[in-house]
Amino acid sequence: FDTLLHERTGGYMDTLDQLICQTAQQAIEDGTEAITEEGLNDMV
């Protein structure tokens, strides 16, 4: 997901950290327990 992550974060590390952490938290809550493209795209 390197290209997607770079586009979503504009290359900013703090935004990358936020995106990955929020997506991981959502993955735990919804039971998928994995980072998916859909999960990444759903995060604001």
PDB file of all heavy atoms in Angstrom:
ATOM      1  N   PHE A   1       0.821  -1.211   0.000  1.00  0.00           N
ATOM      2  CA  PHE A   1       0.000   0.000   0.000  1.00  0.00           C
ATOM      3  C   PHE A   1       0.859   1.268   0.000  1.00  0.00           C
ATOM      4  O   PHE A   1       0.367   2.345   0.330  1.00  0.00           O
ATOM      5  CB  PHE A   1      -0.925   0.023   1.222  1.00  0.00           C
ATOM      6  CG  PHE A   1      -1.865  -1.137   1.321  1.00  0.00           C
ATOM      7  CD1 PHE A   1      -2.052  -1.794   2.526  1.00  0.00           C
ATOM      8  CD2 PHE A   1      -2.569  -1.590   0.222  1.00  0.00           C
ATOM      9  CE1 PHE A   1      -2.932  -2.858   2.637  1.00  0.00           C
ATOM     10  CE2 PHE A   1      -3.450  -2.659   0.317  1.00  0.00           C
ATOM     11  CZ  PHE A   1      -3.635  -3.292   1.531  1.00  0.00           C
ATOM     12  N   ASP A   2       2.128   1.164  -0.381  1.00  0.00           N
ATOM     13  CA  ASP A   2       3.038   2.305  -0.279  1.00  0.00           C
ATOM     14  C   ASP A   2       2.546   3.529  -1.041  1.00  0.00           C
ATOM     15  O   ASP A   2       2.551   4.646  -0.508  1.00  0.00           O
ATOM     16  CB  ASP A   2       4.454   1.927  -0.704  1.00  0.00           C
ATOM     17  CG  ASP A   2       4.553   1.418  -2.139  1.00  0.00           C
ATOM     18  OD1 ASP A   2       3.514   1.046  -2.734  1.00  0.00           O
ATOM     19  OD2 ASP A   2       5.682   1.384  -2.666  1.00  0.00           O
ATOM     20  N   THR A   3       2.066   3.358  -2.264  1.00  0.00           N
ATOM     21  CA  THR A   3       1.589   4.490  -3.053  1.00  0.00           C
ATOM     22  C   THR A   3       0.335   5.093  -2.436  1.00  0.00           C
ATOM     23  O   THR A   3       0.220   6.312  -2.284  1.00  0.00           O
ATOM     24  CB  THR A   3       1.319   4.070  -4.513  1.00  0.00           C
ATOM     25  OG1 THR A   3       2.527   3.539  -5.068  1.00  0.00           O
ATOM     26  CG2 THR A   3       0.843   5.243  -5.346  1.00  0.00           C
ATOM     27  N   LEU A   4      -0.595   4.238  -2.040  1.00  0.00           N
ATOM     28  CA  LEU A   4      -1.826   4.700  -1.392  1.00  0.00           C
ATOM     29  C   LEU A   4      -1.494   5.481  -0.115  1.00  0.00           C
ATOM     30  O   LEU A   4      -2.030   6.569   0.113  1.00  0.00           O
ATOM     31  CB  LEU A   4      -2.730   3.515  -1.060  1.00  0.00           C
ATOM     32  CG  LEU A   4      -3.922   3.793  -0.154  1.00  0.00           C
ATOM     33  CD1 LEU A   4      -4.940   4.669  -0.869  1.00  0.00           C
ATOM     34  CD2 LEU A   4      -4.551   2.505   0.312  1.00  0.00           C
ATOM     35  N   LEU A   5      -0.619   4.940   0.702  1.00  0.00           N
ATOM     36  CA  LEU A   5      -0.260   5.595   1.958  1.00  0.00           C
ATOM     37  C   LEU A   5       0.404   6.943   1.703  1.00  0.00           C
ATOM     38  O   LEU A   5       0.114   7.925   2.398  1.00  0.00           O
ATOM     39  CB  LEU A   5       0.653   4.694   2.788  1.00  0.00           C
ATOM     40  CG  LEU A   5      -0.034   3.460   3.377  1.00  0.00           C
ATOM     41  CD1 LEU A   5       0.997   2.486   3.910  1.00  0.00           C
ATOM     42  CD2 LEU A   5      -1.019   3.846   4.463  1.00  0.00           C
ATOM     43  N   HIS A   6       1.270   7.006   0.715  1.00  0.00           N
ATOM     44  CA  HIS A   6       1.931   8.281   0.419  1.00  0.00           C
ATOM     45  C   HIS A   6       0.922   9.314  -0.077  1.00  0.00           C
ATOM     46  O   HIS A   6       0.961  10.487   0.321  1.00  0.00           O
ATOM     47  CB  HIS A   6       3.048   8.095  -0.600  1.00  0.00           C
ATOM     48  CG  HIS A   6       3.916   9.305  -0.731  1.00  0.00           C
ATOM     49  ND1 HIS A   6       3.667  10.293  -1.642  1.00  0.00           N
ATOM     50  CD2 HIS A   6       5.007   9.683  -0.027  1.00  0.00           C
ATOM     51  CE1 HIS A   6       4.573  11.239  -1.514  1.00  0.00           C
ATOM     52  NE2 HIS A   6       5.406  10.902  -0.541  1.00  0.00           N
ATOM     53  N   GLU A   7       0.005   8.891  -0.930  1.00  0.00           N
ATOM     54  CA  GLU A   7      -1.030   9.807  -1.431  1.00  0.00           C
ATOM     55  C   GLU A   7      -1.944  10.282  -0.314  1.00  0.00           C
ATOM     56  O   GLU A   7      -2.307  11.456  -0.246  1.00  0.00           O
ATOM     57  CB  GLU A   7      -1.854   9.130  -2.531  1.00  0.00           C
ATOM     58  CG  GLU A   7      -1.097   8.940  -3.827  1.00  0.00           C
ATOM     59  CD  GLU A   7      -1.851   8.105  -4.846  1.00  0.00           C
ATOM     60  OE1 GLU A   7      -2.964   7.615  -4.545  1.00  0.00           O
ATOM     61  OE2 GLU A   7      -1.308   7.932  -5.948  1.00  0.00           O
ATOM     62  N   ARG A   8      -2.336   9.368   0.570  1.00  0.00           N
ATOM     63  CA  ARG A   8      -3.258   9.721   1.658  1.00  0.00           C
ATOM     64  C   ARG A   8      -2.624  10.632   2.690  1.00  0.00           C
ATOM     65  O   ARG A   8      -3.300  11.429   3.325  1.00  0.00           O
ATOM     66  CB  ARG A   8      -3.760   8.456   2.371  1.00  0.00           C
ATOM     67  CG  ARG A   8      -4.682   7.550   1.603  1.00  0.00           C
ATOM     68  CD  ARG A   8      -6.081   8.119   1.381  1.00  0.00           C
ATOM     69  NE  ARG A   8      -6.666   8.827   2.493  1.00  0.00           N
ATOM     70  CZ  ARG A   8      -7.294   8.275   3.539  1.00  0.00           C
ATOM     71  NH1 ARG A   8      -7.455   6.976   3.607  1.00  0.00           N
ATOM     72  NH2 ARG A   8      -7.787   9.020   4.504  1.00  0.00           N
ATOM     73  N   THR A   9      -1.298  10.502   2.885  1.00  0.00           N
ATOM     74  CA  THR A   9      -0.637  11.251   3.955  1.00  0.00           C
ATOM     75  C   THR A   9       0.160  12.443   3.456  1.00  0.00           C
ATOM     76  O   THR A   9       0.636  13.239   4.271  1.00  0.00           O
ATOM     77  CB  THR A   9       0.321  10.329   4.730  1.00  0.00           C
ATOM     78  OG1 THR A   9       1.361   9.888   3.841  1.00  0.00           O
ATOM     79  CG2 THR A   9      -0.413   9.136   5.323  1.00  0.00           C
ATOM     80  N   GLY A  10       0.312  12.565   2.159  1.00  0.00           N
ATOM     81  CA  GLY A  10       1.131  13.642   1.611  1.00  0.00           C
ATOM     82  C   GLY A  10       2.594  13.501   1.979  1.00  0.00           C
ATOM     83  O   GLY A  10       3.360  14.457   1.881  1.00  0.00           O
ATOM     84  N   GLY A  11       2.988  12.319   2.423  1.00  0.00           N
ATOM     85  CA  GLY A  11       4.375  12.077   2.805  1.00  0.00           C
ATOM     86  C   GLY A  11       4.721  12.494   4.220  1.00  0.00           C
ATOM     87  O   GLY A  11       5.871  12.408   4.628  1.00  0.00           O
ATOM     88  N   TYR A  12       3.739  12.944   4.996  1.00  0.00           N
ATOM     89  CA  TYR A  12       3.982  13.378   6.376  1.00  0.00           C
ATOM     90  C   TYR A  12       3.958  12.190   7.331  1.00  0.00           C
ATOM     91  O   TYR A  12       2.991  11.419   7.360  1.00  0.00           O
ATOM     92  CB  TYR A  12       2.946  14.409   6.817  1.00  0.00           C
ATOM     93  CG  TYR A  12       3.136  15.745   6.161  1.00  0.00           C
ATOM     94  CD1 TYR A  12       2.402  16.098   5.038  1.00  0.00           C
ATOM     95  CD2 TYR A  12       4.064  16.649   6.665  1.00  0.00           C
ATOM     96  CE1 TYR A  12       2.577  17.328   4.422  1.00  0.00           C
ATOM     97  CE2 TYR A  12       4.255  17.881   6.063  1.00  0.00           C
ATOM     98  CZ  TYR A  12       3.512  18.207   4.943  1.00  0.00           C
ATOM     99  OH  TYR A  12       3.691  19.429   4.340  1.00  0.00           O
ATOM    100  N   MET A  13       5.031  12.053   8.120  1.00  0.00           N
ATOM    101  CA  MET A  13       5.157  10.928   9.046  1.00  0.00           C
ATOM    102  C   MET A  13       4.076  10.942  10.121  1.00  0.00           C
ATOM    103  O   MET A  13       3.552   9.891  10.481  1.00  0.00           O
ATOM    104  CB  MET A  13       6.538  10.926   9.707  1.00  0.00           C
ATOM    105  CG  MET A  13       7.649  10.584   8.743  1.00  0.00           C
ATOM    106  SD  MET A  13       7.417   8.980   7.932  1.00  0.00           S
ATOM    107  CE  MET A  13       7.371   7.914   9.336  1.00  0.00           C
ATOM    108  N   ASP A  14       3.744  12.114  10.660  1.00  0.00           N
ATOM    109  CA  ASP A  14       2.737  12.159  11.716  1.00  0.00           C
ATOM    110  C   ASP A  14       1.374  11.718  11.177  1.00  0.00           C
ATOM    111  O   ASP A  14       0.613  11.035  11.875  1.00  0.00           O
ATOM    112  CB  ASP A  14       2.652  13.526  12.379  1.00  0.00           C
ATOM    113  CG  ASP A  14       2.321  14.663  11.413  1.00  0.00           C
ATOM    114  OD1 ASP A  14       2.575  14.515  10.201  1.00  0.00           O
ATOM    115  OD2 ASP A  14       1.821  15.694  11.879  1.00  0.00           O
ATOM    116  N   THR A  15       1.079  12.062   9.929  1.00  0.00           N
ATOM    117  CA  THR A  15      -0.187  11.647   9.329  1.00  0.00           C
ATOM    118  C   THR A  15      -0.169  10.154   9.031  1.00  0.00           C
ATOM    119  O   THR A  15      -1.177   9.468   9.214  1.00  0.00           O
ATOM    120  CB  THR A  15      -0.469  12.454   8.049  1.00  0.00           C
ATOM    121  OG1 THR A  15      -0.352  13.852   8.352  1.00  0.00           O
ATOM    122  CG2 THR A  15      -1.863  12.194   7.516  1.00  0.00           C
ATOM    123  N   LEU A  16       0.979   9.631   8.601  1.00  0.00           N
ATOM    124  CA  LEU A  16       1.119   8.186   8.369  1.00  0.00           C
ATOM    125  C   LEU A  16       0.876   7.414   9.664  1.00  0.00           C
ATOM    126  O   LEU A  16       0.134   6.435   9.687  1.00  0.00           O
ATOM    127  CB  LEU A  16       2.508   7.867   7.820  1.00  0.00           C
ATOM    128  CG  LEU A  16       2.821   6.382   7.620  1.00  0.00           C
ATOM    129  CD1 LEU A  16       1.931   5.777   6.539  1.00  0.00           C
ATOM    130  CD2 LEU A  16       4.295   6.193   7.278  1.00  0.00           C
ATOM    131  N   ASP A  17       1.498   7.882  10.741  1.00  0.00           N
ATOM    132  CA  ASP A  17       1.317   7.250  12.041  1.00  0.00           C
ATOM    133  C   ASP A  17      -0.155   7.262  12.452  1.00  0.00           C
ATOM    134  O   ASP A  17      -0.696   6.242  12.895  1.00  0.00           O
ATOM    135  CB  ASP A  17       2.178   7.968  13.084  1.00  0.00           C
ATOM    136  CG  ASP A  17       2.119   7.296  14.429  1.00  0.00           C
ATOM    137  OD1 ASP A  17       2.497   6.118  14.511  1.00  0.00           O
ATOM    138  OD2 ASP A  17       1.693   7.954  15.399  1.00  0.00           O
ATOM    139  N   GLN A  18      -0.803   8.400  12.273  1.00  0.00           N
ATOM    140  CA  GLN A  18      -2.221   8.522  12.616  1.00  0.00           C
ATOM    141  C   GLN A  18      -3.066   7.563  11.777  1.00  0.00           C
ATOM    142  O   GLN A  18      -3.933   6.868  12.312  1.00  0.00           O
ATOM    143  CB  GLN A  18      -2.668   9.962  12.384  1.00  0.00           C
ATOM    144  CG  GLN A  18      -4.132  10.203  12.679  1.00  0.00           C
ATOM    145  CD  GLN A  18      -4.568  11.622  12.303  1.00  0.00           C
ATOM    146  OE1 GLN A  18      -3.863  12.347  11.600  1.00  0.00           O
ATOM    147  NE2 GLN A  18      -5.740  12.002  12.764  1.00  0.00           N
ATOM    148  N   LEU A  19      -2.815   7.506  10.480  1.00  0.00           N
ATOM    149  CA  LEU A  19      -3.587   6.648   9.595  1.00  0.00           C
ATOM    150  C   LEU A  19      -3.429   5.173   9.944  1.00  0.00           C
ATOM    151  O   LEU A  19      -4.423   4.442  10.051  1.00  0.00           O
ATOM    152  CB  LEU A  19      -3.177   6.891   8.136  1.00  0.00           C
ATOM    153  CG  LEU A  19      -3.871   6.036   7.068  1.00  0.00           C
ATOM    154  CD1 LEU A  19      -5.382   6.231   7.108  1.00  0.00           C
ATOM    155  CD2 LEU A  19      -3.317   6.371   5.695  1.00  0.00           C
ATOM    156  N   ILE A  20      -2.211   4.738  10.169  1.00  0.00           N
ATOM    157  CA  ILE A  20      -1.981   3.330  10.497  1.00  0.00           C
ATOM    158  C   ILE A  20      -2.578   2.985  11.853  1.00  0.00           C
ATOM    159  O   ILE A  20      -3.236   1.954  12.007  1.00  0.00           O
ATOM    160  CB  ILE A  20      -0.483   2.994  10.432  1.00  0.00           C
ATOM    161  CG1 ILE A  20      -0.009   3.061   8.969  1.00  0.00           C
ATOM    162  CG2 ILE A  20      -0.206   1.601  11.016  1.00  0.00           C
ATOM    163  CD1 ILE A  20       1.479   2.909   8.783  1.00  0.00           C
ATOM    164  N   CYS A  21      -2.375   3.846  12.834  1.00  0.00           N
ATOM    165  CA  CYS A  21      -2.914   3.574  14.181  1.00  0.00           C
ATOM    166  C   CYS A  21      -4.444   3.543  14.191  1.00  0.00           C
ATOM    167  O   CYS A  21      -5.042   2.648  14.783  1.00  0.00           O
ATOM    168  CB  CYS A  21      -2.395   4.603  15.181  1.00  0.00           C
ATOM    169  SG  CYS A  21      -0.658   4.403  15.579  1.00  0.00           S
ATOM    170  N   GLN A  22      -5.068   4.504  13.527  1.00  0.00           N
ATOM    171  CA  GLN A  22      -6.537   4.530  13.493  1.00  0.00           C
ATOM    172  C   GLN A  22      -7.092   3.326  12.737  1.00  0.00           C
ATOM    173  O   GLN A  22      -8.098   2.736  13.146  1.00  0.00           O
ATOM    174  CB  GLN A  22      -7.040   5.817  12.843  1.00  0.00           C
ATOM    175  CG  GLN A  22      -6.898   7.024  13.710  1.00  0.00           C
ATOM    176  CD  GLN A  22      -7.406   8.286  13.026  1.00  0.00           C
ATOM    177  OE1 GLN A  22      -7.630   8.336  11.821  1.00  0.00           O
ATOM    178  NE2 GLN A  22      -7.578   9.335  13.809  1.00  0.00           N
ATOM    179  N   THR A  23      -6.434   2.947  11.645  1.00  0.00           N
ATOM    180  CA  THR A  23      -6.895   1.791  10.879  1.00  0.00           C
ATOM    181  C   THR A  23      -6.719   0.510  11.686  1.00  0.00           C
ATOM    182  O   THR A  23      -7.587  -0.369  11.663  1.00  0.00           O
ATOM    183  CB  THR A  23      -6.155   1.704   9.533  1.00  0.00           C
ATOM    184  OG1 THR A  23      -6.293   2.952   8.839  1.00  0.00           O
ATOM    185  CG2 THR A  23      -6.715   0.599   8.668  1.00  0.00           C
ATOM    186  N   ALA A  24      -5.623   0.399  12.413  1.00  0.00           N
ATOM    187  CA  ALA A  24      -5.405  -0.775  13.269  1.00  0.00           C
ATOM    188  C   ALA A  24      -6.455  -0.843  14.378  1.00  0.00           C
ATOM    189  O   ALA A  24      -6.989  -1.924  14.671  1.00  0.00           O
ATOM    190  CB  ALA A  24      -4.004  -0.738  13.866  1.00  0.00           C
ATOM    191  N   GLN A  25      -6.778   0.287  14.984  1.00  0.00           N
ATOM    192  CA  GLN A  25      -7.804   0.305  16.028  1.00  0.00           C
ATOM    193  C   GLN A  25      -9.155  -0.131  15.463  1.00  0.00           C
ATOM    194  O   GLN A  25      -9.882  -0.908  16.090  1.00  0.00           O
ATOM    195  CB  GLN A  25      -7.917   1.696  16.647  1.00  0.00           C
ATOM    196  CG  GLN A  25      -6.746   2.048  17.514  1.00  0.00           C
ATOM    197  CD  GLN A  25      -6.773   3.492  17.973  1.00  0.00           C
ATOM    198  OE1 GLN A  25      -7.472   4.345  17.435  1.00  0.00           O
ATOM    199  NE2 GLN A  25      -5.971   3.784  18.989  1.00  0.00           N
ATOM    200  N   GLN A  26      -9.483   0.358  14.280  1.00  0.00           N
ATOM    201  CA  GLN A  26     -10.746  -0.034  13.646  1.00  0.00           C
ATOM    202  C   GLN A  26     -10.746  -1.521  13.311  1.00  0.00           C
ATOM    203  O   GLN A  26     -11.765  -2.200  13.462  1.00  0.00           O
ATOM    204  CB  GLN A  26     -10.998   0.798  12.378  1.00  0.00           C
ATOM    205  CG  GLN A  26     -12.322   0.497  11.706  1.00  0.00           C
ATOM    206  CD  GLN A  26     -13.520   0.762  12.612  1.00  0.00           C
ATOM    207  OE1 GLN A  26     -13.556   1.755  13.324  1.00  0.00           O
ATOM    208  NE2 GLN A  26     -14.492  -0.118  12.587  1.00  0.00           N
ATOM    209  N   ALA A  27      -9.608  -2.037  12.874  1.00  0.00           N
ATOM    210  CA  ALA A  27      -9.499  -3.462  12.547  1.00  0.00           C
ATOM    211  C   ALA A  27      -9.731  -4.335  13.784  1.00  0.00           C
ATOM    212  O   ALA A  27     -10.315  -5.414  13.690  1.00  0.00           O
ATOM    213  CB  ALA A  27      -8.137  -3.765  11.930  1.00  0.00           C
ATOM    214  N   ILE A  28      -9.294  -3.859  14.931  1.00  0.00           N
ATOM    215  CA  ILE A  28      -9.538  -4.582  16.180  1.00  0.00           C
ATOM    216  C   ILE A  28     -11.020  -4.528  16.527  1.00  0.00           C
ATOM    217  O   ILE A  28     -11.632  -5.541  16.855  1.00  0.00           O
ATOM    218  CB  ILE A  28      -8.681  -4.000  17.324  1.00  0.00           C
ATOM    219  CG1 ILE A  28      -7.207  -4.291  17.064  1.00  0.00           C
ATOM    220  CG2 ILE A  28      -9.126  -4.571  18.677  1.00  0.00           C
ATOM    221  CD1 ILE A  28      -6.252  -3.501  17.944  1.00  0.00           C
ATOM    222  N   GLU A  29     -11.604  -3.342  16.414  1.00  0.00           N
ATOM    223  CA  GLU A  29     -13.021  -3.176  16.759  1.00  0.00           C
ATOM    224  C   GLU A  29     -13.954  -3.967  15.853  1.00  0.00           C
ATOM    225  O   GLU A  29     -14.945  -4.524  16.316  1.00  0.00           O
ATOM    226  CB  GLU A  29     -13.402  -1.696  16.725  1.00  0.00           C
ATOM    227  CG  GLU A  29     -12.771  -0.901  17.844  1.00  0.00           C
ATOM    228  CD  GLU A  29     -13.032   0.589  17.734  1.00  0.00           C
ATOM    229  OE1 GLU A  29     -13.902   1.005  16.933  1.00  0.00           O
ATOM    230  OE2 GLU A  29     -12.356   1.351  18.455  1.00  0.00           O
ATOM    231  N   ASP A  30     -13.642  -4.010  14.556  1.00  0.00           N
ATOM    232  CA  ASP A  30     -14.556  -4.720  13.644  1.00  0.00           C
ATOM    233  C   ASP A  30     -14.211  -6.196  13.474  1.00  0.00           C
ATOM    234  O   ASP A  30     -14.906  -6.928  12.770  1.00  0.00           O
ATOM    235  CB  ASP A  30     -14.665  -4.013  12.282  1.00  0.00           C
ATOM    236  CG  ASP A  30     -13.398  -4.057  11.448  1.00  0.00           C
ATOM    237  OD1 ASP A  30     -12.537  -4.926  11.666  1.00  0.00           O
ATOM    238  OD2 ASP A  30     -13.275  -3.203  10.543  1.00  0.00           O
ATOM    239  N   GLY A  31     -13.127  -6.640  14.110  1.00  0.00           N
ATOM    240  CA  GLY A  31     -12.785  -8.058  14.111  1.00  0.00           C
ATOM    241  C   GLY A  31     -11.969  -8.540  12.923  1.00  0.00           C
ATOM    242  O   GLY A  31     -11.620  -9.712  12.858  1.00  0.00           O
ATOM    243  N   THR A  32     -11.621  -7.652  11.985  1.00  0.00           N
ATOM    244  CA  THR A  32     -10.810  -8.099  10.852  1.00  0.00           C
ATOM    245  C   THR A  32      -9.379  -8.377  11.270  1.00  0.00           C
ATOM    246  O   THR A  32      -8.724  -9.246  10.695  1.00  0.00           O
ATOM    247  CB  THR A  32     -10.800  -7.074   9.695  1.00  0.00           C
ATOM    248  OG1 THR A  32     -10.275  -5.845  10.181  1.00  0.00           O
ATOM    249  CG2 THR A  32     -12.170  -6.876   9.101  1.00  0.00           C
ATOM    250  N   GLU A  33      -8.897  -7.636  12.260  1.00  0.00           N
ATOM    251  CA  GLU A  33      -7.549  -7.820  12.800  1.00  0.00           C
ATOM    252  C   GLU A  33      -6.469  -7.773  11.720  1.00  0.00           C
ATOM    253  O   GLU A  33      -5.470  -8.493  11.800  1.00  0.00           O
ATOM    254  CB  GLU A  33      -7.457  -9.139  13.577  1.00  0.00           C
ATOM    255  CG  GLU A  33      -8.242  -9.159  14.863  1.00  0.00           C
ATOM    256  CD  GLU A  33      -7.566  -8.422  16.005  1.00  0.00           C
ATOM    257  OE1 GLU A  33      -6.331  -8.293  16.015  1.00  0.00           O
ATOM    258  OE2 GLU A  33      -8.296  -7.972  16.900  1.00  0.00           O
ATOM    259  N   ALA A  34      -6.674  -6.940  10.698  1.00  0.00           N
ATOM    260  CA  ALA A  34      -5.681  -6.752   9.641  1.00  0.00           C
ATOM    261  C   ALA A  34      -5.901  -5.391   8.994  1.00  0.00           C
ATOM    262  O   ALA A  34      -7.028  -4.903   8.946  1.00  0.00           O
ATOM    263  CB  ALA A  34      -5.783  -7.854   8.597  1.00  0.00           C
ATOM    264  N   ILE A  35      -4.831  -4.802   8.506  1.00  0.00           N
ATOM    265  CA  ILE A  35      -4.923  -3.547   7.757  1.00  0.00           C
ATOM    266  C   ILE A  35      -5.298  -3.897   6.322  1.00  0.00           C
ATOM    267  O   ILE A  35      -4.625  -4.700   5.681  1.00  0.00           O
ATOM    268  CB  ILE A  35      -3.584  -2.792   7.769  1.00  0.00           C
ATOM    269  CG1 ILE A  35      -3.142  -2.478   9.190  1.00  0.00           C
ATOM    270  CG2 ILE A  35      -3.671  -1.538   6.897  1.00  0.00           C
ATOM    271  CD1 ILE A  35      -3.852  -1.355   9.871  1.00  0.00           C
ATOM    272  N   THR A  36      -6.368  -3.294   5.834  1.00  0.00           N
ATOM    273  CA  THR A  36      -6.813  -3.544   4.465  1.00  0.00           C
ATOM    274  C   THR A  36      -6.867  -2.220   3.704  1.00  0.00           C
ATOM    275  O   THR A  36      -6.904  -1.145   4.306  1.00  0.00           O
ATOM    276  CB  THR A  36      -8.216  -4.179   4.438  1.00  0.00           C
ATOM    277  OG1 THR A  36      -9.147  -3.243   5.001  1.00  0.00           O
ATOM    278  CG2 THR A  36      -8.255  -5.489   5.200  1.00  0.00           C
ATOM    279  N   GLU A  37      -6.904  -2.322   2.390  1.00  0.00           N
ATOM    280  CA  GLU A  37      -7.020  -1.111   1.566  1.00  0.00           C
ATOM    281  C   GLU A  37      -8.326  -0.393   1.878  1.00  0.00           C
ATOM    282  O   GLU A  37      -8.364   0.828   2.001  1.00  0.00           O
ATOM    283  CB  GLU A  37      -6.951  -1.470   0.086  1.00  0.00           C
ATOM    284  CG  GLU A  37      -6.953  -0.268  -0.823  1.00  0.00           C
ATOM    285  CD  GLU A  37      -6.706  -0.603  -2.282  1.00  0.00           C
ATOM    286  OE1 GLU A  37      -6.499  -1.782  -2.615  1.00  0.00           O
ATOM    287  OE2 GLU A  37      -6.725   0.345  -3.088  1.00  0.00           O
ATOM    288  N   GLU A  38      -9.394  -1.160   2.030  1.00  0.00           N
ATOM    289  CA  GLU A  38     -10.691  -0.565   2.369  1.00  0.00           C
ATOM    290  C   GLU A  38     -10.621   0.164   3.705  1.00  0.00           C
ATOM    291  O   GLU A  38     -11.131   1.270   3.851  1.00  0.00           O
ATOM    292  CB  GLU A  38     -11.762  -1.652   2.412  1.00  0.00           C
ATOM    293  CG  GLU A  38     -13.130  -1.138   2.743  1.00  0.00           C
ATOM    294  CD  GLU A  38     -14.188  -2.230   2.833  1.00  0.00           C
ATOM    295  OE1 GLU A  38     -13.873  -3.411   2.641  1.00  0.00           O
ATOM    296  OE2 GLU A  38     -15.337  -1.876   3.115  1.00  0.00           O
ATOM    297  N   GLY A  39      -9.984  -0.470   4.684  1.00  0.00           N
ATOM    298  CA  GLY A  39      -9.846   0.153   5.988  1.00  0.00           C
ATOM    299  C   GLY A  39      -9.054   1.446   5.931  1.00  0.00           C
ATOM    300  O   GLY A  39      -9.419   2.439   6.568  1.00  0.00           O
ATOM    301  N   LEU A  40      -7.974   1.452   5.162  1.00  0.00           N
ATOM    302  CA  LEU A  40      -7.171   2.665   5.003  1.00  0.00           C
ATOM    303  C   LEU A  40      -7.974   3.767   4.331  1.00  0.00           C
ATOM    304  O   LEU A  40      -7.898   4.935   4.722  1.00  0.00           O
ATOM    305  CB  LEU A  40      -5.912   2.370   4.192  1.00  0.00           C
ATOM    306  CG  LEU A  40      -4.851   1.523   4.891  1.00  0.00           C
ATOM    307  CD1 LEU A  40      -3.813   1.047   3.887  1.00  0.00           C
ATOM    308  CD2 LEU A  40      -4.198   2.284   6.027  1.00  0.00           C
ATOM    309  N   ASN A  41      -8.746   3.406   3.317  1.00  0.00           N
ATOM    310  CA  ASN A  41      -9.528   4.404   2.587  1.00  0.00           C
ATOM    311  C   ASN A  41     -10.684   4.953   3.406  1.00  0.00           C
ATOM    312  O   ASN A  41     -11.151   6.070   3.155  1.00  0.00           O
ATOM    313  CB  ASN A  41     -10.055   3.826   1.277  1.00  0.00           C
ATOM    314  CG  ASN A  41      -8.962   3.729   0.229  1.00  0.00           C
ATOM    315  OD1 ASN A  41      -8.089   4.571   0.157  1.00  0.00           O
ATOM    316  ND2 ASN A  41      -9.013   2.694  -0.576  1.00  0.00           N
ATOM    317  N   ASP A  42     -11.159   4.208   4.388  1.00  0.00           N
ATOM    318  CA  ASP A  42     -12.275   4.647   5.215  1.00  0.00           C
ATOM    319  C   ASP A  42     -11.875   5.657   6.286  1.00  0.00           C
ATOM    320  O   ASP A  42     -12.720   6.353   6.829  1.00  0.00           O
ATOM    321  CB  ASP A  42     -12.961   3.457   5.891  1.00  0.00           C
ATOM    322  CG  ASP A  42     -13.788   2.630   4.935  1.00  0.00           C
ATOM    323  OD1 ASP A  42     -14.054   3.104   3.807  1.00  0.00           O
ATOM    324  OD2 ASP A  42     -14.172   1.508   5.309  1.00  0.00           O
ATOM    325  N   MET A  43     -10.582   5.728   6.601  1.00  0.00           N
ATOM    326  CA  MET A  43     -10.110   6.632   7.652  1.00  0.00           C
ATOM    327  C   MET A  43      -9.974   8.051   7.147  1.00  0.00           C
ATOM    328  O   MET A  43      -9.542   8.290   6.024  1.00  0.00           O
ATOM    329  CB  MET A  43      -8.736   6.181   8.159  1.00  0.00           C
ATOM    330  CG  MET A  43      -8.748   4.959   9.025  1.00  0.00           C
ATOM    331  SD  MET A  43      -9.739   5.182  10.507  1.00  0.00           S
ATOM    332  CE  MET A  43     -10.815   3.787  10.342  1.00  0.00           C
ATOM    333  N   VAL A  44     -10.356   8.990   8.003  1.00  0.00           N
ATOM    334  CA  VAL A  44     -10.188  10.411   7.713  1.00  0.00           C
ATOM    335  C   VAL A  44      -8.973  10.883   8.497  1.00  0.00           C
ATOM    336  O   VAL A  44      -8.935  10.750   9.731  1.00  0.00           O
ATOM    337  CB  VAL A  44     -11.439  11.211   8.113  1.00  0.00           C
ATOM    338  CG1 VAL A  44     -11.205  12.697   7.910  1.00  0.00           C
ATOM    339  CG2 VAL A  44     -12.644  10.725   7.351  1.00  0.00           C
TER     340      VAL A  44
END
